[in-house]
Amino acid sequence: MLGLAEGVFLVLSGTQFILGILGNGFIGLVNGGSWFKSKRMSLSDFIITNLALSRIILLWIFLTDALLIVFYPEEHDSGTIMQMVDILWTFTNHLSIWLATCLGVFYCLKIASFSHSTFLWLKWRVSRVVVWVLLGALLLSFGSTVSLINEFKIYSALKGIDGTGNVTEHFRKKRNEYYLIHVLGTLWYLPPLIVSLASYFLLLLSLGRHTQQMQQNGTSFRDPSTEAHKRAIKIILSFFFLFLLYFLAFLITSSGQFLPKPKTVKMIGEIITMFYPAGHSFVLILGNNKLKQAFVEMLWCERGSKELFFP
């Protein structure tokens, strides 16, 4: 029999899952339909589409994790299925974060304006730079996954040694090695965070310089360049804050076993973590002209059909 906490947790998880699938699925359908018609896809659309697909996989992983927490708590705490879920989540999660970072880099190089030779060199080769960042992201995602597999192997060895009751120097070394790898595992999040912050500050600096130029020339602030700056800053900033919330919730969930009422802590952390892949998709829709226009058209079609059947 499910308790009140488990029932609320499943309802909230299911709601966020449905909203996330709808938002990310909409992005995939619009960009996929565009590509099917023209047989061409811009680099930004390619990144956004793959970002949406990675988040759809993430949401399915979160839903599986939520069901394991409620119905199979022992398997969730330590089991082969949970290890497989963790490995898939680690790879998809890091890839998703790096794709969002690549989008920020693309916006920064496309929109920001600086006269520095290094920036101009990168700006003229924006497609090549972003492709190399994507390849690097893929390698780093594999690296984080291999690190997690190694962590699981050390953990299994520790359980075997601990089960014999023979706590030796070898056991202590293995335990320290496990703690070190576990802590270092969080450092995989630092590179995309630093790159996103750099893109955000460069865009802010570029917007400030552009605004000063507009003031000196006595022209309107609502020009296309200013609007593009603001839109890109909103997308990167929203990713940054949602990612911080996501990372904090992940830390709470992973350390839940050391806190009172670990199951409740895990459920709260799970709900917060699902907000990132579900909520950021709507930020992307509203920040992209093509997606926003398609979304508005869809709402008008729905409204028109309702008025047709229910005048």
Protein backbone atom coordinates (compact mmCIF):
# COMPACT_ATOMS: atom_id res chain seq x y z
CA MET A 1 0.00 0.00 0.00
CA LEU A 2 1.42 3.36 -1.06
CA GLY A 3 1.69 6.12 1.53
CA LEU A 4 0.79 9.77 0.98
CA ALA A 5 4.42 10.78 0.36
CA GLU A 6 4.91 8.05 -2.27
CA GLY A 7 1.62 8.97 -3.98
CA VAL A 8 2.49 12.68 -4.18
CA PHE A 9 5.98 11.79 -5.37
CA LEU A 10 4.65 9.61 -8.21
CA VAL A 11 2.10 12.25 -9.28
CA LEU A 12 4.73 15.03 -9.37
CA SER A 13 7.26 12.80 -11.13
CA GLY A 14 4.64 11.72 -13.69
CA THR A 15 3.55 15.32 -14.30
CA GLN A 16 7.11 16.55 -14.88
CA PHE A 17 7.81 13.54 -17.07
CA ILE A 18 4.78 14.26 -19.31
CA LEU A 19 5.59 18.00 -19.54
CA GLY A 20 9.23 17.25 -20.34
CA ILE A 21 8.35 14.69 -23.02
CA LEU A 22 5.86 17.13 -24.58
CA GLY A 23 8.34 20.05 -24.57
CA ASN A 24 11.35 18.12 -25.83
CA GLY A 25 9.23 16.06 -28.21
CA PHE A 26 7.83 19.29 -29.69
CA ILE A 27 11.39 20.55 -30.33
CA GLY A 28 12.31 17.25 -32.00
CA LEU A 29 9.18 17.22 -34.17
CA VAL A 30 9.51 20.85 -35.35
CA ASN A 31 13.23 20.64 -36.17
CA GLY A 32 12.88 17.12 -37.56
CA GLY A 33 9.96 18.19 -39.77
CA SER A 34 11.97 21.19 -41.00
CA TRP A 35 14.91 18.95 -41.86
CA PHE A 36 12.62 16.45 -43.63
CA LYS A 37 11.19 19.22 -45.85
CA SER A 38 14.42 21.05 -46.74
CA LYS A 39 16.97 18.21 -46.19
CA ARG A 40 19.06 20.83 -44.37
CA MET A 41 19.54 21.65 -40.71
CA SER A 42 21.44 24.56 -39.19
CA LEU A 43 24.09 23.87 -36.54
CA SER A 44 21.99 25.49 -33.79
CA ASP A 45 18.95 23.37 -34.75
CA PHE A 46 21.16 20.27 -34.78
CA ILE A 47 22.41 21.01 -31.25
CA ILE A 48 18.93 21.84 -29.92
CA THR A 49 17.41 18.70 -31.50
CA ASN A 50 20.07 16.41 -30.02
CA LEU A 51 19.72 18.21 -26.69
CA ALA A 52 15.98 17.52 -26.74
CA LEU A 53 16.54 13.83 -27.61
CA SER A 54 19.11 13.40 -24.82
CA ARG A 55 16.66 14.94 -22.34
CA ILE A 56 13.88 12.61 -23.45
CA ILE A 57 16.19 9.69 -22.59
CA LEU A 58 17.06 11.41 -19.28
CA LEU A 59 13.38 11.76 -18.39
CA TRP A 60 12.76 8.06 -19.04
CA ILE A 61 15.74 7.25 -16.79
CA PHE A 62 14.34 9.52 -14.06
CA LEU A 63 10.92 7.87 -14.33
CA THR A 64 12.53 4.41 -14.03
CA ASP A 65 14.50 5.64 -11.02
CA ALA A 66 11.32 7.04 -9.41
CA LEU A 67 9.52 3.69 -9.83
CA LEU A 68 12.49 1.85 -8.32
CA ILE A 69 12.52 4.20 -5.30
CA VAL A 70 8.84 3.53 -4.57
CA PHE A 71 8.32 -0.12 -5.56
CA TYR A 72 11.82 -1.66 -5.37
CA PRO A 73 13.79 0.31 -2.72
CA GLU A 74 16.28 -2.51 -2.07
CA GLU A 75 17.12 -2.80 -5.77
CA HIS A 76 17.46 1.00 -5.94
CA ASP A 77 19.98 1.08 -3.09
CA SER A 78 22.21 -1.67 -4.44
CA GLY A 79 21.49 -3.80 -7.46
CA THR A 80 22.62 -4.64 -10.98
CA ILE A 81 19.63 -2.87 -12.55
CA MET A 82 20.44 0.31 -10.63
CA GLN A 83 24.06 0.17 -11.74
CA MET A 84 22.95 -0.10 -15.38
CA VAL A 85 20.56 2.83 -14.88
CA ASP A 86 23.38 4.88 -13.29
CA ILE A 87 25.76 4.14 -16.18
CA LEU A 88 23.18 5.14 -18.80
CA TRP A 89 22.22 8.23 -16.78
CA THR A 90 25.87 9.33 -16.38
CA PHE A 91 26.60 9.19 -20.11
CA THR A 92 23.31 10.82 -21.18
CA ASN A 93 23.45 13.42 -18.41
CA HIS A 94 26.98 14.61 -19.25
CA LEU A 95 26.19 14.61 -22.97
CA SER A 96 23.05 16.68 -22.33
CA ILE A 97 24.95 19.21 -20.22
CA TRP A 98 27.69 19.52 -22.84
CA LEU A 99 25.13 19.99 -25.63
CA ALA A 100 23.60 22.89 -23.68
CA THR A 101 27.13 24.27 -23.22
CA CYS A 102 27.82 23.95 -26.96
CA LEU A 103 24.65 25.91 -27.64
CA GLY A 104 25.91 28.68 -25.37
CA VAL A 105 29.30 28.70 -27.15
CA PHE A 106 27.54 28.87 -30.54
CA TYR A 107 25.36 31.81 -29.45
CA CYS A 108 28.37 33.58 -27.97
CA LEU A 109 30.50 33.26 -31.13
CA LYS A 110 27.61 34.14 -33.43
CA ILE A 111 26.20 37.12 -31.51
CA ALA A 112 28.99 38.65 -29.43
CA SER A 113 31.25 41.21 -31.07
CA PHE A 114 34.91 41.74 -30.10
CA SER A 115 37.91 42.94 -32.07
CA HIS A 116 40.42 40.62 -30.38
CA SER A 117 42.24 38.44 -32.95
CA THR A 118 41.63 35.18 -31.02
CA PHE A 119 37.90 35.82 -30.75
CA LEU A 120 37.69 36.78 -34.43
CA TRP A 121 39.56 33.60 -35.39
CA LEU A 122 37.06 31.52 -33.40
CA LYS A 123 34.09 33.51 -34.74
CA TRP A 124 35.10 32.93 -38.38
CA ARG A 125 35.40 29.21 -37.67
CA VAL A 126 32.33 28.90 -35.43
CA SER A 127 31.01 25.71 -37.08
CA ARG A 128 34.38 23.97 -36.81
CA VAL A 129 34.85 25.12 -33.20
CA VAL A 130 31.41 23.87 -32.11
CA VAL A 131 31.92 20.52 -33.90
CA TRP A 132 35.25 20.05 -32.06
CA VAL A 133 33.56 20.95 -28.77
CA LEU A 134 30.84 18.37 -29.53
CA LEU A 135 33.46 15.68 -30.22
CA GLY A 136 35.26 16.63 -27.00
CA ALA A 137 31.94 16.45 -25.16
CA LEU A 138 31.37 12.94 -26.47
CA LEU A 139 34.81 11.83 -25.27
CA LEU A 140 34.33 13.45 -21.85
CA SER A 141 30.92 11.76 -21.51
CA PHE A 142 32.57 8.41 -22.23
CA GLY A 143 35.31 9.29 -19.73
CA SER A 144 32.79 10.02 -16.96
CA THR A 145 31.02 6.73 -17.70
CA VAL A 146 34.28 4.73 -17.52
CA SER A 147 35.06 6.50 -14.23
CA LEU A 148 31.69 5.41 -12.82
CA ILE A 149 32.21 1.79 -13.95
CA ASN A 150 35.59 1.81 -12.20
CA GLU A 151 33.88 3.21 -9.08
CA PHE A 152 31.38 0.32 -9.15
CA LYS A 153 34.23 -2.21 -9.41
CA ILE A 154 36.00 -0.72 -6.37
CA TYR A 155 32.70 -0.63 -4.45
CA SER A 156 32.07 -4.34 -5.24
CA ALA A 157 35.61 -5.19 -4.07
CA LEU A 158 35.01 -3.23 -0.86
CA LYS A 159 31.78 -5.12 -0.18
CA GLY A 160 33.63 -8.42 -0.70
CA ILE A 161 36.41 -7.48 1.72
CA ASP A 162 33.97 -6.04 4.27
CA GLY A 163 31.86 -9.19 4.09
CA THR A 164 34.77 -11.29 5.34
CA GLY A 165 35.12 -9.09 8.41
CA ASN A 166 38.86 -8.75 7.75
CA VAL A 167 39.44 -4.95 7.81
CA THR A 168 43.07 -4.72 6.73
CA GLU A 169 45.35 -2.03 5.32
CA HIS A 170 44.30 -3.19 1.83
CA PHE A 171 40.66 -2.49 2.74
CA ARG A 172 41.50 1.00 3.99
CA LYS A 173 43.45 1.78 0.81
CA LYS A 174 40.59 0.57 -1.36
CA ARG A 175 38.10 2.61 0.69
CA ASN A 176 40.20 5.77 0.36
CA GLU A 177 40.54 5.10 -3.38
CA TYR A 178 36.75 4.76 -3.65
CA TYR A 179 36.14 8.03 -1.77
CA LEU A 180 38.70 9.83 -3.95
CA ILE A 181 37.16 8.60 -7.22
CA HIS A 182 33.67 9.41 -5.92
CA VAL A 183 34.66 13.00 -5.08
CA LEU A 184 36.63 13.45 -8.31
CA GLY A 185 33.55 12.23 -10.22
CA THR A 186 31.82 15.53 -9.45
CA LEU A 187 34.68 17.41 -11.16
CA TRP A 188 33.39 16.20 -14.54
CA TYR A 189 30.75 18.94 -14.19
CA LEU A 190 33.30 21.76 -13.86
CA PRO A 191 34.43 22.13 -17.53
CA PRO A 192 30.91 22.71 -18.99
CA LEU A 193 30.09 25.03 -16.09
CA ILE A 194 33.21 27.13 -16.67
CA VAL A 195 32.61 27.28 -20.44
CA SER A 196 28.96 28.30 -19.92
CA LEU A 197 29.99 31.03 -17.47
CA ALA A 198 32.62 32.33 -19.91
CA SER A 199 30.03 32.45 -22.73
CA TYR A 200 27.58 34.26 -20.47
CA PHE A 201 30.08 36.93 -19.35
CA LEU A 202 31.34 37.48 -22.91
CA LEU A 203 27.77 38.04 -24.08
CA LEU A 204 27.12 40.43 -21.17
CA LEU A 205 30.31 42.36 -21.97
CA SER A 206 29.43 42.48 -25.66
CA LEU A 207 25.90 43.70 -24.86
CA GLY A 208 27.32 46.42 -22.59
CA ARG A 209 29.68 47.66 -25.31
CA HIS A 210 26.93 47.51 -27.93
CA THR A 211 24.57 49.51 -25.66
CA GLN A 212 27.25 52.20 -25.15
CA GLN A 213 27.68 52.49 -28.90
CA MET A 214 23.92 52.82 -29.34
CA GLN A 215 23.82 55.59 -26.70
CA GLN A 216 26.65 57.47 -28.42
CA ASN A 217 24.93 57.20 -31.78
CA GLY A 218 21.56 58.17 -30.28
CA THR A 219 19.77 55.18 -31.83
CA SER A 220 17.08 52.89 -30.40
CA PHE A 221 18.07 50.06 -28.05
CA ARG A 222 15.53 47.69 -29.63
CA ASP A 223 17.67 46.74 -32.61
CA PRO A 224 18.12 43.10 -33.79
CA SER A 225 21.61 42.80 -32.29
CA THR A 226 20.46 43.92 -28.82
CA GLU A 227 17.47 41.56 -28.91
CA ALA A 228 19.71 38.67 -30.02
CA HIS A 229 22.13 39.40 -27.15
CA LYS A 230 19.30 39.47 -24.59
CA ARG A 231 17.70 36.28 -25.92
CA ALA A 232 21.00 34.36 -25.85
CA ILE A 233 21.81 35.66 -22.33
CA LYS A 234 18.40 34.50 -21.05
CA ILE A 235 18.91 31.01 -22.50
CA ILE A 236 22.44 30.62 -21.09
CA LEU A 237 21.52 32.14 -17.71
CA SER A 238 18.43 29.92 -17.36
CA PHE A 239 20.58 26.86 -18.16
CA PHE A 240 23.14 27.99 -15.58
CA PHE A 241 20.63 28.43 -12.74
CA LEU A 242 18.65 25.28 -13.59
CA PHE A 243 21.91 23.34 -13.79
CA LEU A 244 22.99 24.60 -10.34
CA LEU A 245 19.61 23.57 -8.91
CA TYR A 246 19.93 20.22 -10.69
CA PHE A 247 23.46 19.66 -9.35
CA LEU A 248 22.41 20.58 -5.80
CA ALA A 249 19.48 18.15 -5.97
CA PHE A 250 21.81 15.46 -7.34
CA LEU A 251 24.17 15.95 -4.35
CA ILE A 252 21.21 15.74 -1.95
CA THR A 253 19.96 12.54 -3.61
CA SER A 254 23.39 10.86 -3.70
CA SER A 255 24.04 11.68 -0.02
CA GLY A 256 20.51 10.81 1.09
CA GLN A 257 21.64 7.60 2.80
CA PHE A 258 23.63 9.68 5.31
CA LEU A 259 20.63 11.87 6.22
CA PRO A 260 17.53 11.12 8.33
CA LYS A 261 14.62 9.64 6.33
CA PRO A 262 16.78 8.75 3.29
CA LYS A 263 13.81 7.65 1.14
CA THR A 264 12.05 11.00 1.57
CA VAL A 265 15.27 12.87 0.81
CA LYS A 266 15.74 10.82 -2.37
CA MET A 267 12.17 11.53 -3.49
CA ILE A 268 12.56 15.31 -2.95
CA GLY A 269 15.89 15.29 -4.79
CA GLU A 270 14.39 13.29 -7.66
CA ILE A 271 11.55 15.78 -8.15
CA ILE A 272 13.96 18.72 -8.23
CA THR A 273 16.34 17.00 -10.67
CA MET A 274 13.50 16.30 -13.11
CA PHE A 275 12.72 20.02 -13.27
CA TYR A 276 15.92 20.73 -15.24
CA PRO A 277 15.37 18.54 -18.35
CA ALA A 278 11.62 19.28 -18.31
CA GLY A 279 11.72 23.05 -17.66
CA HIS A 280 14.65 24.10 -19.84
CA SER A 281 12.94 22.74 -22.97
CA PHE A 282 10.27 25.46 -22.67
CA VAL A 283 12.99 28.10 -22.20
CA LEU A 284 14.51 26.92 -25.50
CA ILE A 285 11.12 27.04 -27.24
CA LEU A 286 10.43 30.61 -26.10
CA GLY A 287 14.00 31.71 -26.91
CA ASN A 288 14.03 30.34 -30.47
CA ASN A 289 12.04 32.26 -33.09
CA LYS A 290 11.18 29.22 -35.22
CA LEU A 291 10.13 27.08 -32.26
CA LYS A 292 8.22 29.95 -30.66
CA GLN A 293 6.32 30.65 -33.89
CA ALA A 294 5.45 26.96 -34.31
CA PHE A 295 4.32 26.81 -30.66
CA VAL A 296 2.08 29.88 -31.07
CA GLU A 297 0.62 28.47 -34.30
CA MET A 298 -0.13 25.19 -32.53
CA LEU A 299 -1.93 27.04 -29.71
CA TRP A 300 -3.96 29.06 -32.24
CA CYS A 301 -4.92 25.84 -34.08
CA GLU A 302 -6.06 24.28 -30.81
CA ARG A 303 -8.01 27.39 -29.90
CA GLY A 304 -9.61 27.48 -33.38
CA SER A 305 -10.63 23.83 -33.20
CA LYS A 306 -12.19 24.34 -29.76
CA GLU A 307 -14.15 27.34 -31.00
CA LEU A 308 -15.30 25.27 -33.99
CA PHE A 309 -16.70 22.46 -31.83
CA PHE A 310 -17.66 24.55 -28.78
CA PRO A 311 -18.78 28.00 -30.10
